[in-house]
PDB file of N, CA and C in Angstrom:
ATOM      1  N   MET A   1      11.086  -6.972  -4.404  1.00  0.00           N
ATOM      2  CA  MET A   1       9.896  -7.873  -4.242  1.00  0.00           C
ATOM      3  C   MET A   1       8.970  -7.653  -5.450  1.00  0.00           C
ATOM      4  N   THR A   2       8.476  -8.857  -6.032  1.00  0.00           N
ATOM      5  CA  THR A   2       7.599  -9.048  -7.049  1.00  0.00           C
ATOM      6  C   THR A   2       6.210  -8.615  -6.656  1.00  0.00           C
ATOM      7  N   ILE A   3       5.298  -8.325  -7.573  1.00  0.00           N
ATOM      8  CA  ILE A   3       3.670  -8.282  -7.056  1.00  0.00           C
ATOM      9  C   ILE A   3       3.262  -9.388  -6.369  1.00  0.00           C
ATOM     10  N   GLU A   4       3.630 -10.418  -6.884  1.00  0.00           N
ATOM     11  CA  GLU A   4       3.168 -11.931  -6.328  1.00  0.00           C
ATOM     12  C   GLU A   4       3.548 -12.090  -4.956  1.00  0.00           C
ATOM     13  N   GLU A   5       4.906 -11.767  -4.779  1.00  0.00           N
ATOM     14  CA  GLU A   5       5.477 -11.651  -3.408  1.00  0.00           C
ATOM     15  C   GLU A   5       4.823 -10.706  -2.314  1.00  0.00           C
ATOM     16  N   SER A   6       4.725  -9.544  -2.929  1.00  0.00           N
ATOM     17  CA  SER A   6       3.903  -8.499  -2.103  1.00  0.00           C
ATOM     18  C   SER A   6       2.582  -8.987  -1.645  1.00  0.00           C
ATOM     19  N   TYR A   7       1.793  -9.456  -2.622  1.00  0.00           N
ATOM     20  CA  TYR A   7       0.407 -10.143  -2.445  1.00  0.00           C
ATOM     21  C   TYR A   7       0.581 -11.304  -1.355  1.00  0.00           C
ATOM     22  N   TYR A   8       1.358 -12.038  -1.315  1.00  0.00           N
ATOM     23  CA  TYR A   8       1.564 -13.027  -0.368  1.00  0.00           C
ATOM     24  C   TYR A   8       1.955 -12.361   0.964  1.00  0.00           C
ATOM     25  N   HIS A   9       2.831 -11.564   1.256  1.00  0.00           N
ATOM     26  CA  HIS A   9       3.118 -10.811   2.280  1.00  0.00           C
ATOM     27  C   HIS A   9       1.805 -10.133   2.927  1.00  0.00           C
ATOM     28  N   VAL A  10       1.095  -9.394   2.171  1.00  0.00           N
ATOM     29  CA  VAL A  10      -0.114  -8.686   2.619  1.00  0.00           C
ATOM     30  C   VAL A  10      -0.932  -9.687   3.045  1.00  0.00           C
ATOM     31  N   SER A  11      -1.218 -10.622   2.220  1.00  0.00           N
ATOM     32  CA  SER A  11      -2.306 -11.550   2.747  1.00  0.00           C
ATOM     33  C   SER A  11      -2.050 -12.357   4.115  1.00  0.00           C
ATOM     34  N   PHE A  12      -0.855 -12.221   4.486  1.00  0.00           N
ATOM     35  CA  PHE A  12      -0.730 -12.731   5.991  1.00  0.00           C
ATOM     36  C   PHE A  12      -0.488 -11.421   6.809  1.00  0.00           C
ATOM     37  N   GLY A  13      -0.734 -10.297   6.466  1.00  0.00           N
ATOM     38  CA  GLY A  13      -0.840  -9.190   7.554  1.00  0.00           C
ATOM     39  C   GLY A  13       0.362  -8.317   7.601  1.00  0.00           C
ATOM     40  N   TYR A  14       1.396  -8.615   6.574  1.00  0.00           N
ATOM     41  CA  TYR A  14       2.668  -7.763   6.553  1.00  0.00           C
ATOM     42  C   TYR A  14       2.440  -6.542   5.608  1.00  0.00           C
ATOM     43  N   ASP A  15       3.160  -5.385   6.113  1.00  0.00           N
ATOM     44  CA  ASP A  15       3.220  -4.300   5.372  1.00  0.00           C
ATOM     45  C   ASP A  15       4.282  -4.625   4.170  1.00  0.00           C
ATOM     46  N   VAL A  16       4.006  -3.830   3.104  1.00  0.00           N
ATOM     47  CA  VAL A  16       5.060  -3.911   2.018  1.00  0.00           C
ATOM     48  C   VAL A  16       5.218  -2.530   1.383  1.00  0.00           C
ATOM     49  N   MET A  17       6.402  -2.348   0.795  1.00  0.00           N
ATOM     50  CA  MET A  17       6.790  -0.977  -0.040  1.00  0.00           C
ATOM     51  C   MET A  17       6.759  -1.415  -1.454  1.00  0.00           C
ATOM     52  N   CYS A  18       6.171  -0.648  -2.269  1.00  0.00           N
ATOM     53  CA  CYS A  18       6.154  -0.765  -3.619  1.00  0.00           C
ATOM     54  C   CYS A  18       7.152   0.143  -4.460  1.00  0.00           C
ATOM     55  N   ASP A  19       7.470  -0.079  -5.586  1.00  0.00           N
ATOM     56  CA  ASP A  19       8.354   0.926  -6.259  1.00  0.00           C
ATOM     57  C   ASP A  19       7.676   1.978  -6.952  1.00  0.00           C
ATOM     58  N   THR A  20       6.173   1.824  -7.342  1.00  0.00           N
ATOM     59  CA  THR A  20       5.493   2.679  -8.042  1.00  0.00           C
ATOM     60  C   THR A  20       3.950   2.634  -7.518  1.00  0.00           C
ATOM     61  N   GLN A  21       3.229   3.725  -7.651  1.00  0.00           N
ATOM     62  CA  GLN A  21       2.078   3.572  -7.264  1.00  0.00           C
ATOM     63  C   GLN A  21       0.922   2.471  -8.152  1.00  0.00           C
ATOM     64  N   GLN A  22       1.625   2.433  -9.323  1.00  0.00           N
ATOM     65  CA  GLN A  22       0.701   1.328 -10.154  1.00  0.00           C
ATOM     66  C   GLN A  22       1.142   0.006  -9.474  1.00  0.00           C
ATOM     67  N   ASP A  23       2.260  -0.455  -9.065  1.00  0.00           N
ATOM     68  CA  ASP A  23       2.417  -1.679  -8.323  1.00  0.00           C
ATOM     69  C   ASP A  23       1.538  -1.724  -7.234  1.00  0.00           C
ATOM     70  N   ALA A  24       1.599  -0.747  -6.222  1.00  0.00           N
ATOM     71  CA  ALA A  24       0.910  -0.778  -5.111  1.00  0.00           C
ATOM     72  C   ALA A  24      -0.474  -1.045  -5.454  1.00  0.00           C
ATOM     73  N   LEU A  25      -1.156  -0.255  -6.398  1.00  0.00           N
ATOM     74  CA  LEU A  25      -2.595  -0.470  -6.844  1.00  0.00           C
ATOM     75  C   LEU A  25      -2.752  -1.872  -7.270  1.00  0.00           C
ATOM     76  N   GLU A  26      -1.847  -2.564  -8.062  1.00  0.00           N
ATOM     77  CA  GLU A  26      -2.146  -3.844  -8.616  1.00  0.00           C
ATOM     78  C   GLU A  26      -2.087  -4.758  -7.443  1.00  0.00           C
ATOM     79  N   VAL A  27      -1.308  -4.700  -6.456  1.00  0.00           N
ATOM     80  CA  VAL A  27      -1.369  -5.608  -4.991  1.00  0.00           C
ATOM     81  C   VAL A  27      -2.758  -5.208  -4.518  1.00  0.00           C
ATOM     82  N   ALA A  28      -2.930  -4.078  -4.217  1.00  0.00           N
ATOM     83  CA  ALA A  28      -4.298  -3.588  -3.562  1.00  0.00           C
ATOM     84  C   ALA A  28      -5.569  -4.078  -4.086  1.00  0.00           C
ATOM     85  N   LEU A  29      -5.751  -4.046  -5.221  1.00  0.00           N
ATOM     86  CA  LEU A  29      -6.902  -4.371  -5.942  1.00  0.00           C
ATOM     87  C   LEU A  29      -7.332  -5.969  -5.927  1.00  0.00           C
ATOM     88  N   ASN A  30      -6.368  -6.741  -5.296  1.00  0.00           N
ATOM     89  CA  ASN A  30      -6.773  -8.069  -4.893  1.00  0.00           C
ATOM     90  C   ASN A  30      -7.837  -8.173  -3.822  1.00  0.00           C
ATOM     91  N   TRP A  31      -7.994  -7.078  -3.147  1.00  0.00           N
ATOM     92  CA  TRP A  31      -9.020  -7.121  -2.058  1.00  0.00           C
ATOM     93  C   TRP A  31     -10.083  -6.124  -2.420  1.00  0.00           C
ATOM     94  N   PRO A  32     -11.395  -6.475  -2.277  1.00  0.00           N
ATOM     95  CA  PRO A  32     -12.544  -5.502  -2.587  1.00  0.00           C
ATOM     96  C   PRO A  32     -12.804  -4.278  -1.687  1.00  0.00           C
ATOM     97  N   THR A  33     -12.107  -4.558  -0.515  1.00  0.00           N
ATOM     98  CA  THR A  33     -12.484  -3.220   0.674  1.00  0.00           C
ATOM     99  C   THR A  33     -11.236  -2.500   0.605  1.00  0.00           C
ATOM    100  N   THR A  34     -10.486  -2.487  -0.391  1.00  0.00           N
ATOM    101  CA  THR A  34      -9.301  -1.559  -0.330  1.00  0.00           C
ATOM    102  C   THR A  34      -9.574  -0.357  -0.030  1.00  0.00           C
ATOM    103  N   PHE A  35      -8.821   0.439   0.802  1.00  0.00           N
ATOM    104  CA  PHE A  35      -9.096   1.857   1.063  1.00  0.00           C
ATOM    105  C   PHE A  35      -7.679   2.587   0.699  1.00  0.00           C
ATOM    106  N   TYR A  36      -7.788   3.747   0.096  1.00  0.00           N
ATOM    107  CA  TYR A  36      -6.689   4.776  -0.456  1.00  0.00           C
ATOM    108  C   TYR A  36      -6.545   5.686   0.802  1.00  0.00           C
ATOM    109  N   HIS A  37      -5.175   5.729   1.304  1.00  0.00           N
ATOM    110  CA  HIS A  37      -5.008   6.804   2.138  1.00  0.00           C
ATOM    111  C   HIS A  37      -4.183   7.866   1.419  1.00  0.00           C
ATOM    112  N   ASP A  38      -4.932   9.079   1.257  1.00  0.00           N
ATOM    113  CA  ASP A  38      -4.311  10.144   0.596  1.00  0.00           C
ATOM    114  C   ASP A  38      -3.012  10.649   1.023  1.00  0.00           C
ATOM    115  N   ASN A  39      -2.719  11.797   0.393  1.00  0.00           N
ATOM    116  CA  ASN A  39      -1.465  12.632   0.981  1.00  0.00           C
ATOM    117  C   ASN A  39      -1.767  13.573   1.830  1.00  0.00           C
ATOM    118  N   GLN A  40      -2.793  13.465   2.518  1.00  0.00           N
ATOM    119  CA  GLN A  40      -2.863  14.461   3.703  1.00  0.00           C
ATOM    120  C   GLN A  40      -1.792  14.750   4.586  1.00  0.00           C
ATOM    121  N   HIS A  41      -0.844  13.915   4.654  1.00  0.00           N
ATOM    122  CA  HIS A  41       0.359  14.115   5.713  1.00  0.00           C
ATOM    123  C   HIS A  41       1.557  14.332   4.796  1.00  0.00           C
ATOM    124  N   LYS A  42       1.506  14.346   3.546  1.00  0.00           N
ATOM    125  CA  LYS A  42       2.861  14.460   2.645  1.00  0.00           C
ATOM    126  C   LYS A  42       3.880  15.253   3.008  1.00  0.00           C
ATOM    127  N   LYS A  43       3.445  16.383   3.963  1.00  0.00           N
ATOM    128  CA  LYS A  43       4.635  17.168   4.079  1.00  0.00           C
ATOM    129  C   LYS A  43       5.404  16.646   5.448  1.00  0.00           C
ATOM    130  N   LEU A  44       4.971  15.792   5.990  1.00  0.00           N
ATOM    131  CA  LEU A  44       5.828  15.115   7.008  1.00  0.00           C
ATOM    132  C   LEU A  44       6.776  14.029   6.540  1.00  0.00           C
ATOM    133  N   PRO A  45       8.027  14.150   7.106  1.00  0.00           N
ATOM    134  CA  PRO A  45       9.270  13.449   6.963  1.00  0.00           C
ATOM    135  C   PRO A  45       8.737  11.862   7.019  1.00  0.00           C
ATOM    136  N   GLY A  46       9.043  11.079   5.947  1.00  0.00           N
ATOM    137  CA  GLY A  46       8.987   9.663   6.171  1.00  0.00           C
ATOM    138  C   GLY A  46       7.386   9.169   5.936  1.00  0.00           C
ATOM    139  N   TYR A  47       6.703  10.266   5.515  1.00  0.00           N
ATOM    140  CA  TYR A  47       5.290   9.717   5.170  1.00  0.00           C
ATOM    141  C   TYR A  47       5.301   9.290   3.642  1.00  0.00           C
ATOM    142  N   TYR A  48       4.590   8.133   3.307  1.00  0.00           N
ATOM    143  CA  TYR A  48       4.409   7.611   2.186  1.00  0.00           C
ATOM    144  C   TYR A  48       2.792   7.185   1.995  1.00  0.00           C
ATOM    145  N   PRO A  49       2.281   7.744   0.816  1.00  0.00           N
ATOM    146  CA  PRO A  49       0.929   7.432   0.524  1.00  0.00           C
ATOM    147  C   PRO A  49       0.919   5.870   0.362  1.00  0.00           C
ATOM    148  N   HIS A  50      -0.466   5.506   0.593  1.00  0.00           N
ATOM    149  CA  HIS A  50      -0.375   4.041   0.658  1.00  0.00           C
ATOM    150  C   HIS A  50      -1.834   3.404   0.566  1.00  0.00           C
ATOM    151  N   TYR A  51      -2.050   2.220   0.389  1.00  0.00           N
ATOM    152  CA  TYR A  51      -3.602   1.446   0.597  1.00  0.00           C
ATOM    153  C   TYR A  51      -3.473   0.706   1.824  1.00  0.00           C
ATOM    154  N   HIS A  52      -4.948   0.512   2.077  1.00  0.00           N
ATOM    155  CA  HIS A  52      -5.053  -0.397   3.298  1.00  0.00           C
ATOM    156  C   HIS A  52      -5.992  -1.463   2.595  1.00  0.00           C
ATOM    157  N   PRO A  53      -5.666  -2.714   2.395  1.00  0.00           N
ATOM    158  CA  PRO A  53      -6.422  -3.585   1.634  1.00  0.00           C
ATOM    159  C   PRO A  53      -7.390  -4.207   2.307  1.00  0.00           C
ATOM    160  N   TRP A  54      -7.673  -4.034   3.581  1.00  0.00           N
ATOM    161  CA  TRP A  54      -8.729  -4.567   4.340  1.00  0.00           C
ATOM    162  C   TRP A  54      -9.618  -3.426   4.723  1.00  0.00           C
ATOM    163  N   GLY A  55      -9.568  -2.309   4.396  1.00  0.00           N
ATOM    164  CA  GLY A  55     -10.289  -1.268   4.526  1.00  0.00           C
ATOM    165  C   GLY A  55      -9.568  -0.679   5.928  1.00  0.00           C
ATOM    166  N   GLY A  56     -10.366   0.557   6.505  1.00  0.00           N
ATOM    167  CA  GLY A  56     -10.023   1.180   7.739  1.00  0.00           C
ATOM    168  C   GLY A  56      -8.545   1.742   7.733  1.00  0.00           C
ATOM    169  N   SER A  57      -7.900   1.965   8.882  1.00  0.00           N
ATOM    170  CA  SER A  57      -6.618   2.547   8.598  1.00  0.00           C
ATOM    171  C   SER A  57      -5.595   1.718   9.665  1.00  0.00           C
ATOM    172  N   HIS A  58      -5.641   0.451   9.663  1.00  0.00           N
ATOM    173  CA  HIS A  58      -4.639  -0.129  10.258  1.00  0.00           C
ATOM    174  C   HIS A  58      -3.910  -1.151   9.445  1.00  0.00           C
ATOM    175  N   HIS A  59      -3.128  -1.937   9.910  1.00  0.00           N
ATOM    176  CA  HIS A  59      -2.295  -2.912   9.021  1.00  0.00           C
ATOM    177  C   HIS A  59      -3.310  -3.812   8.252  1.00  0.00           C
ATOM    178  N   PRO A  60      -2.561  -4.298   7.314  1.00  0.00           N
ATOM    179  CA  PRO A  60      -1.304  -3.839   6.544  1.00  0.00           C
ATOM    180  C   PRO A  60      -1.328  -2.666   5.667  1.00  0.00           C
ATOM    181  N   HIS A  61      -0.254  -2.257   5.273  1.00  0.00           N
ATOM    182  CA  HIS A  61       0.085  -1.165   4.499  1.00  0.00           C
ATOM    183  C   HIS A  61       0.420  -1.503   3.225  1.00  0.00           C
ATOM    184  N   ILE A  62       0.039  -0.825   2.123  1.00  0.00           N
ATOM    185  CA  ILE A  62       0.700  -1.110   0.937  1.00  0.00           C
ATOM    186  C   ILE A  62       1.308   0.108   0.302  1.00  0.00           C
ATOM    187  N   TRP A  63       2.571   0.599   0.788  1.00  0.00           N
ATOM    188  CA  TRP A  63       2.947   1.908   0.600  1.00  0.00           C
ATOM    189  C   TRP A  63       3.603   1.961  -0.822  1.00  0.00           C
ATOM    190  N   TYR A  64       3.835   3.182  -1.272  1.00  0.00           N
ATOM    191  CA  TYR A  64       4.722   3.473  -2.472  1.00  0.00           C
ATOM    192  C   TYR A  64       5.164   4.655  -2.467  1.00  0.00           C
ATOM    193  N   TYR A  65       6.477   4.876  -3.159  1.00  0.00           N
ATOM    194  CA  TYR A  65       7.349   5.935  -3.136  1.00  0.00           C
ATOM    195  C   TYR A  65       6.791   6.923  -3.627  1.00  0.00           C
ATOM    196  N   LEU A  66       6.803   8.138  -3.463  1.00  0.00           N
ATOM    197  CA  LEU A  66       6.285   9.438  -3.868  1.00  0.00           C
ATOM    198  C   LEU A  66       7.017   9.688  -5.151  1.00  0.00           C
ATOM    199  N   GLY A  67       6.401  10.352  -6.012  1.00  0.00           N
ATOM    200  CA  GLY A  67       6.762  10.735  -7.318  1.00  0.00           C
ATOM    201  C   GLY A  67       6.671   9.449  -8.411  1.00  0.00           C
ATOM    202  N   THR A  68       6.144   8.351  -8.337  1.00  0.00           N
ATOM    203  CA  THR A  68       6.143   7.303  -9.115  1.00  0.00           C
ATOM    204  C   THR A  68       4.767   7.072  -9.865  1.00  0.00           C
TER     205      THR A  68
END
């Protein structure tokens, strides 16, 4: 999915997974209230660091793969 497609999906409230942290940040910075969710749970299987573009801790999520 491109950056533009990711932005479109998030703007309608859907979660997206980005290949890199930089891509996720590029999508997330389209909203001034973006909240970064740090790696506090990174030891749990299936956890991915992510951003919440509308602040808070609910949907949508802009996840990215670790180590990118």
